[in-house]
């Protein structure tokens, strides 16, 4: 399996804010969960990760722009790390 950690995704709330110089920028809020994109899941990986697979209507990012990206959402980074794919520093 090849994976790409996205982590926390932020999306605009529709509200504009101003910085101390008067420049406007969109207010962002975190999307629930900790996000990882994956490719080339083995049968074993698929079985292990199936509970975390989501199907977003408008994906934040595709793995290398590929249509076969598998989107995973965990409750936290710790939940993702507990599966043993990524080694914790």
Protein backbone atom coordinates (compact mmCIF):
# COMPACT_ATOMS: atom_id res chain seq x y z
CA UNK A 1 0.00 0.00 0.00
CA UNK A 2 1.09 3.51 -0.78
CA UNK A 3 -0.33 6.24 1.45
CA UNK A 4 -0.28 10.00 1.80
CA UNK A 5 -1.12 11.56 5.16
CA UNK A 6 -3.39 14.57 4.70
CA UNK A 7 -4.06 15.11 8.41
CA UNK A 8 -6.57 17.78 9.28
CA UNK A 9 -8.54 19.28 6.41
CA UNK A 10 -9.87 22.83 6.71
CA UNK A 11 -12.77 24.27 4.75
CA UNK A 12 -14.11 27.83 4.43
CA UNK A 13 -17.06 28.77 6.64
CA UNK A 14 -18.28 31.46 4.22
CA UNK A 15 -17.24 34.21 6.63
CA UNK A 16 -14.46 36.65 5.76
CA UNK A 17 -11.97 37.90 8.37
CA UNK A 18 -9.46 40.75 8.30
CA UNK A 19 -5.87 40.68 9.42
CA UNK A 20 -4.21 43.57 11.24
CA UNK A 21 -3.41 45.22 7.91
CA UNK A 22 -7.02 45.13 6.72
CA UNK A 23 -6.52 42.26 4.26
CA UNK A 24 -9.49 39.93 3.99
CA UNK A 25 -9.14 36.16 4.15
CA UNK A 26 -11.64 33.32 4.54
CA UNK A 27 -12.35 31.90 7.96
CA UNK A 28 -11.58 28.16 7.98
CA UNK A 29 -12.84 25.39 10.21
CA UNK A 30 -11.50 21.85 10.54
CA UNK A 31 -13.36 18.97 8.91
CA UNK A 32 -14.01 16.17 11.38
CA UNK A 33 -11.35 13.46 11.49
CA UNK A 34 -7.76 12.73 10.54
CA UNK A 35 -7.40 12.02 6.82
CA UNK A 36 -5.17 9.69 4.80
CA UNK A 37 -5.27 8.86 1.08
CA UNK A 38 -4.11 5.47 -0.19
CA UNK A 39 -3.45 3.46 -3.34
CA UNK A 40 -2.79 -0.18 -4.12
CA UNK A 41 -4.46 -1.75 -1.08
CA UNK A 42 -3.85 -5.47 -0.75
CA UNK A 43 -6.77 -7.67 0.30
CA UNK A 44 -5.32 -7.67 3.84
CA UNK A 45 -5.01 -3.85 3.88
CA UNK A 46 -8.54 -3.46 2.50
CA UNK A 47 -9.98 -5.71 5.22
CA UNK A 48 -8.06 -3.83 7.93
CA UNK A 49 -8.96 -0.36 6.60
CA UNK A 50 -12.54 -0.96 5.41
CA UNK A 51 -14.11 0.64 8.53
CA UNK A 52 -12.21 3.86 7.77
CA UNK A 53 -13.00 4.18 4.06
CA UNK A 54 -15.13 7.20 3.16
CA UNK A 55 -16.54 8.37 -0.16
CA UNK A 56 -16.41 12.18 -0.25
CA UNK A 57 -18.59 13.90 -2.86
CA UNK A 58 -15.86 16.45 -3.53
CA UNK A 59 -12.47 15.11 -2.40
CA UNK A 60 -10.06 17.60 -0.87
CA UNK A 61 -7.13 15.89 -2.62
CA UNK A 62 -6.61 12.85 -4.81
CA UNK A 63 -3.47 10.78 -4.44
CA UNK A 64 -1.32 12.01 -7.34
CA UNK A 65 -4.57 13.05 -9.07
CA UNK A 66 -5.59 9.40 -9.50
CA UNK A 67 -9.22 8.37 -9.71
CA UNK A 68 -8.53 5.13 -7.80
CA UNK A 69 -7.60 6.99 -4.61
CA UNK A 70 -8.99 5.38 -1.46
CA UNK A 71 -10.03 7.98 1.12
CA UNK A 72 -9.60 7.11 4.78
CA UNK A 73 -10.88 9.02 7.81
CA UNK A 74 -9.86 8.29 11.39
CA UNK A 75 -11.00 9.90 14.62
CA UNK A 76 -7.43 10.96 15.41
CA UNK A 77 -3.80 10.61 14.36
CA UNK A 78 -3.34 8.15 17.21
CA UNK A 79 -6.02 5.88 15.72
CA UNK A 80 -4.18 5.92 12.37
CA UNK A 81 -0.79 5.29 14.02
CA UNK A 82 -2.22 2.37 16.02
CA UNK A 83 -2.70 0.45 12.76
CA UNK A 84 1.09 0.37 12.27
CA UNK A 85 1.41 1.76 8.75
CA UNK A 86 3.22 4.95 9.78
CA UNK A 87 5.98 4.88 12.33
CA UNK A 88 5.63 7.39 15.17
CA UNK A 89 8.62 9.70 15.73
